[in-house]
């Protein structure tokens, strides 16, 4: 598993937590930060998946 996939999963989890915390407290800025971090995590996860796929193809 590529390190980008791991970092992406962590970013998604932290972003989700920020989004929920922002909703609970009514902090729109925190909600926006959470959504942004979740998006970054999704992109980073996708990059890791592509790297894994390329690595698998090259091994064959």
C-alpha atoms as a PDB file:
ATOM      1  CA  UNK A   1       0.000   0.000   0.000  1.00  0.00           C
ATOM      2  CA  UNK A   2       1.336   3.373  -0.995  1.00  0.00           C
ATOM      3  CA  UNK A   3       1.997   6.016   1.660  1.00  0.00           C
ATOM      4  CA  UNK A   4      -0.249   8.437  -0.239  1.00  0.00           C
ATOM      5  CA  UNK A   5      -3.208   6.126   0.335  1.00  0.00           C
ATOM      6  CA  UNK A   6      -2.525   6.065   4.057  1.00  0.00           C
ATOM      7  CA  UNK A   7      -2.083   9.836   4.303  1.00  0.00           C
ATOM      8  CA  UNK A   8      -5.215  10.310   2.216  1.00  0.00           C
ATOM      9  CA  UNK A   9      -7.247   8.121   4.560  1.00  0.00           C
ATOM     10  CA  UNK A  10      -5.955  10.064   7.568  1.00  0.00           C
ATOM     11  CA  UNK A  11      -6.783  13.393   5.913  1.00  0.00           C
ATOM     12  CA  UNK A  12     -10.282  12.166   5.094  1.00  0.00           C
ATOM     13  CA  UNK A  13     -10.891  11.056   8.684  1.00  0.00           C
ATOM     14  CA  UNK A  14      -9.569  14.288  10.192  1.00  0.00           C
ATOM     15  CA  UNK A  15     -11.537  16.328   7.669  1.00  0.00           C
ATOM     16  CA  UNK A  16     -14.725  14.453   8.506  1.00  0.00           C
ATOM     17  CA  UNK A  17     -14.108  15.108  12.199  1.00  0.00           C
ATOM     18  CA  UNK A  18     -13.616  18.817  11.560  1.00  0.00           C
ATOM     19  CA  UNK A  19     -16.781  18.956   9.482  1.00  0.00           C
ATOM     20  CA  UNK A  20     -18.833  17.294  12.202  1.00  0.00           C
ATOM     21  CA  UNK A  21     -17.279  19.468  14.924  1.00  0.00           C
ATOM     22  CA  UNK A  22     -18.043  22.545  12.855  1.00  0.00           C
ATOM     23  CA  UNK A  23     -21.670  21.499  12.444  1.00  0.00           C
ATOM     24  CA  UNK A  24     -22.062  20.816  16.162  1.00  0.00           C
ATOM     25  CA  UNK A  25     -20.515  24.120  17.205  1.00  0.00           C
ATOM     26  CA  UNK A  26     -21.975  26.165  14.345  1.00  0.00           C
ATOM     27  CA  UNK A  27     -18.478  27.106  13.152  1.00  0.00           C
ATOM     28  CA  UNK A  28     -18.807  27.465   9.380  1.00  0.00           C
ATOM     29  CA  UNK A  29     -15.082  28.055   8.941  1.00  0.00           C
ATOM     30  CA  UNK A  30     -14.269  24.750  10.649  1.00  0.00           C
ATOM     31  CA  UNK A  31     -16.862  23.009   8.491  1.00  0.00           C
ATOM     32  CA  UNK A  32     -15.262  24.434   5.350  1.00  0.00           C
ATOM     33  CA  UNK A  33     -11.786  23.413   6.510  1.00  0.00           C
ATOM     34  CA  UNK A  34     -13.085  19.910   7.138  1.00  0.00           C
ATOM     35  CA  UNK A  35     -14.677  19.618   3.719  1.00  0.00           C
ATOM     36  CA  UNK A  36     -11.497  20.900   2.084  1.00  0.00           C
ATOM     37  CA  UNK A  37      -9.307  18.476   4.008  1.00  0.00           C
ATOM     38  CA  UNK A  38     -11.637  15.603   3.138  1.00  0.00           C
ATOM     39  CA  UNK A  39     -11.324  16.543  -0.540  1.00  0.00           C
ATOM     40  CA  UNK A  40      -7.543  16.674  -0.313  1.00  0.00           C
ATOM     41  CA  UNK A  41      -7.586  13.259   1.331  1.00  0.00           C
ATOM     42  CA  UNK A  42      -9.692  11.797  -1.459  1.00  0.00           C
ATOM     43  CA  UNK A  43      -7.317  13.136  -4.093  1.00  0.00           C
ATOM     44  CA  UNK A  44      -4.276  11.871  -2.225  1.00  0.00           C
ATOM     45  CA  UNK A  45      -5.890   8.447  -1.850  1.00  0.00           C
ATOM     46  CA  UNK A  46      -6.560   8.357  -5.584  1.00  0.00           C
ATOM     47  CA  UNK A  47      -2.919   9.221  -6.300  1.00  0.00           C
ATOM     48  CA  UNK A  48      -1.852   6.352  -4.056  1.00  0.00           C
ATOM     49  CA  UNK A  49      -4.195   3.940  -5.855  1.00  0.00           C
ATOM     50  CA  UNK A  50      -2.728   4.950  -9.212  1.00  0.00           C
ATOM     51  CA  UNK A  51       0.808   4.468  -7.890  1.00  0.00           C
ATOM     52  CA  UNK A  52      -0.146   1.019  -6.593  1.00  0.00           C
ATOM     53  CA  UNK A  53      -1.692   0.092  -9.933  1.00  0.00           C
ATOM     54  CA  UNK A  54       1.389   1.219 -11.863  1.00  0.00           C
ATOM     55  CA  UNK A  55       3.652  -0.660  -9.469  1.00  0.00           C
ATOM     56  CA  UNK A  56       1.538  -3.824  -9.936  1.00  0.00           C
ATOM     57  CA  UNK A  57       1.682  -3.548 -13.721  1.00  0.00           C
ATOM     58  CA  UNK A  58       5.451  -3.068 -13.673  1.00  0.00           C
ATOM     59  CA  UNK A  59       5.923  -6.142 -11.482  1.00  0.00           C
ATOM     60  CA  UNK A  60       4.242  -8.396 -14.046  1.00  0.00           C
END
